[in-house]
Amino acid sequence: DLNLQYPAGWLQAREIKFSQGFTRPGPRDYVGRAPLDQLESRALAGYTEYIDPALVLAFHSQGKEIYWKFKDFEVPGAEALGEKMAQASGYTLANVPYASGFAGYKDWFIQRFRRPGYTIEVGEGNNPLPLSQFDEIYEDNLPVLLIAAQGE
């Protein structure tokens, strides 16, 4: 799972996912042998360091929720900006469930840069989501992209 590859709380993610039986490579929830041990995750982390963005959006599926926080890191203005995104999209601004709250890209970004980071859980249903949801997901999230681009 390439989103469980980041150094922010990686050991906690490993403990949680191993206790749930995700102890080897598979289609989901395997944290890898170490943080950033996959080329794709290292590339994204390196690219993020290089471009030094003001905020990040990580799109996932499913749940129509926006996660905005990592552990006790509360970036000034991040919750208010997340509320705007939630209002515009019809999604709920939420705290990440504990069992999913570590080692994600957004988590690493918040911890590393102390700037807003969001995981946006698009659509509803069972993964993989059907292509028939694409238009609705696009319509829901276009205003999120505009709000993020404006940063206000």
Protein backbone atom coordinates (compact mmCIF):
# COMPACT_ATOMS: atom_id res chain seq x y z
CA ASP A 1 0.00 0.00 0.00
CA LEU A 2 1.93 3.00 -1.26
CA ASN A 3 0.09 5.34 1.10
CA LEU A 4 1.39 3.48 4.16
CA GLN A 5 4.99 4.10 3.23
CA TYR A 6 5.77 7.45 4.82
CA PRO A 7 7.87 8.03 7.95
CA ALA A 8 5.15 9.79 9.99
CA GLY A 9 4.07 7.15 12.48
CA TRP A 10 5.25 4.30 10.28
CA LEU A 11 6.04 2.02 13.23
CA GLN A 12 2.54 2.57 14.61
CA ALA A 13 1.04 1.79 11.20
CA ARG A 14 3.16 -1.37 11.01
CA GLU A 15 2.01 -2.52 14.44
CA ILE A 16 -1.66 -1.87 13.61
CA LYS A 17 -1.61 -3.44 10.14
CA PHE A 18 0.43 -6.47 11.23
CA SER A 19 -2.06 -7.05 14.09
CA GLN A 20 -4.80 -7.04 11.43
CA GLY A 21 -2.95 -9.70 9.43
CA PHE A 22 -1.42 -7.50 6.71
CA THR A 23 2.10 -8.88 7.09
CA ARG A 24 3.21 -9.28 3.47
CA PRO A 25 2.69 -7.64 0.09
CA GLY A 26 -0.90 -7.58 -1.11
CA PRO A 27 -3.47 -5.27 -2.67
CA ARG A 28 -3.95 -3.19 0.49
CA ASP A 29 -2.70 -2.27 3.96
CA TYR A 30 0.83 -3.67 3.76
CA VAL A 31 3.27 -1.04 5.07
CA GLY A 32 6.39 -2.46 3.44
CA ARG A 33 9.69 -3.39 5.05
CA ALA A 34 10.58 0.21 5.96
CA PRO A 35 9.36 3.74 5.35
CA LEU A 36 9.84 4.83 1.74
CA ASP A 37 11.11 1.42 0.64
CA GLN A 38 9.13 1.62 -2.61
CA LEU A 39 10.35 3.66 -5.58
CA GLU A 40 7.00 5.39 -6.10
CA SER A 41 6.79 6.57 -2.49
CA ARG A 42 10.40 7.76 -2.51
CA ALA A 43 9.78 9.59 -5.78
CA LEU A 44 6.70 11.38 -4.43
CA ALA A 45 8.48 12.35 -1.21
CA GLY A 46 11.48 13.63 -3.18
CA TYR A 47 9.27 15.54 -5.60
CA THR A 48 7.37 17.08 -2.70
CA GLU A 49 10.64 18.17 -1.09
CA TYR A 50 11.73 19.65 -4.42
CA ILE A 51 8.57 21.65 -5.21
CA ASP A 52 7.95 22.65 -1.56
CA PRO A 53 4.15 23.08 -1.93
CA ALA A 54 1.97 25.26 0.28
CA LEU A 55 -0.40 22.32 0.84
CA VAL A 56 -1.13 18.84 -0.48
CA LEU A 57 -4.23 16.92 -1.48
CA ALA A 58 -4.11 13.12 -1.53
CA PHE A 59 -7.11 11.61 -3.32
CA HIS A 60 -8.26 8.16 -2.25
CA SER A 61 -11.48 6.25 -2.40
CA GLN A 62 -14.01 5.91 -0.66
CA GLY A 63 -16.20 7.58 1.93
CA LYS A 64 -16.89 11.19 0.91
CA GLU A 65 -14.73 12.47 3.75
CA ILE A 66 -11.83 14.88 4.02
CA TYR A 67 -9.14 14.15 6.59
CA TRP A 68 -7.15 17.17 7.67
CA LYS A 69 -5.11 16.36 10.75
CA PHE A 70 -2.22 14.14 11.80
CA LYS A 71 -1.99 13.15 15.46
CA ASP A 72 -1.80 16.36 17.51
CA PHE A 73 -0.44 18.50 14.68
CA GLU A 74 -2.92 21.30 14.06
CA VAL A 75 -1.62 23.55 11.32
CA PRO A 76 -3.06 27.06 11.69
CA GLY A 77 -5.86 27.58 9.19
CA ALA A 78 -5.96 23.94 8.07
CA GLU A 79 -9.27 23.10 9.71
CA ALA A 80 -10.98 26.24 8.35
CA LEU A 81 -9.69 25.53 4.83
CA GLY A 82 -10.82 21.91 5.19
CA GLU A 83 -14.28 23.12 6.24
CA LYS A 84 -14.49 25.21 3.06
CA MET A 85 -13.53 22.19 0.98
CA ALA A 86 -16.07 20.02 2.78
CA GLN A 87 -18.83 22.56 2.34
CA ALA A 88 -18.06 22.99 -1.36
CA SER A 89 -17.88 19.25 -2.05
CA GLY A 90 -20.66 18.00 0.20
CA TYR A 91 -18.12 15.77 1.95
CA THR A 92 -17.58 15.61 5.71
CA LEU A 93 -14.47 17.06 7.35
CA ALA A 94 -13.38 14.31 9.73
CA ASN A 95 -10.59 13.02 11.88
CA VAL A 96 -8.88 9.93 10.51
CA PRO A 97 -9.91 6.69 12.24
CA TYR A 98 -7.08 5.64 14.59
CA ALA A 99 -6.33 2.40 12.72
CA SER A 100 -5.76 4.39 9.51
CA GLY A 101 -4.12 7.43 11.02
CA PHE A 102 -0.42 6.79 10.43
CA ALA A 103 2.24 6.61 7.69
CA GLY A 104 0.19 8.34 4.99
CA TYR A 105 1.46 10.93 2.56
CA LYS A 106 -0.69 13.65 4.15
CA ASP A 107 0.60 12.65 7.60
CA TRP A 108 4.21 12.90 6.50
CA PHE A 109 3.60 16.23 4.77
CA ILE A 110 1.94 17.76 7.85
CA GLN A 111 4.68 16.47 10.16
CA ARG A 112 7.55 17.40 7.85
CA PHE A 113 6.40 20.78 6.54
CA ARG A 114 3.91 21.92 9.22
CA ARG A 115 1.54 22.95 6.42
CA PRO A 116 -2.00 21.85 5.53
CA GLY A 117 -2.39 18.37 4.10
CA TYR A 118 -5.63 16.61 3.24
CA THR A 119 -6.68 13.11 2.31
CA ILE A 120 -9.87 13.27 0.28
CA GLU A 121 -11.83 10.04 0.24
CA VAL A 122 -13.86 10.29 -2.96
CA GLY A 123 -17.00 8.39 -3.86
CA GLU A 124 -18.90 5.71 -2.01
CA GLY A 125 -19.19 1.94 -2.23
CA ASN A 126 -16.76 -0.91 -2.51
CA ASN A 127 -13.35 -0.55 -4.10
CA PRO A 128 -12.66 -0.39 -6.85
CA LEU A 129 -15.36 2.23 -7.33
CA PRO A 130 -17.31 1.93 -10.56
CA LEU A 131 -16.42 4.24 -13.41
CA SER A 132 -20.05 5.38 -13.37
CA GLN A 133 -19.16 7.50 -10.28
CA PHE A 134 -16.50 9.48 -12.12
CA ASP A 135 -18.70 12.41 -13.19
CA GLU A 136 -20.10 12.83 -9.67
CA ILE A 137 -16.64 12.60 -8.10
CA TYR A 138 -15.31 15.15 -10.58
CA GLU A 139 -18.20 17.56 -9.90
CA ASP A 140 -17.82 17.15 -6.12
CA ASN A 141 -14.08 17.76 -6.19
CA LEU A 142 -13.59 20.48 -8.78
CA PRO A 143 -14.43 23.17 -6.18
CA VAL A 144 -12.00 21.49 -3.76
CA LEU A 145 -9.21 21.92 -6.28
CA LEU A 146 -10.12 25.58 -6.81
CA ILE A 147 -10.22 26.29 -3.06
CA ALA A 148 -6.87 24.55 -2.57
CA ALA A 149 -5.32 26.47 -5.47
CA GLN A 150 -6.47 29.74 -3.92
CA GLY A 151 -5.42 28.60 -0.46
CA GLU A 152 -8.30 30.40 1.18
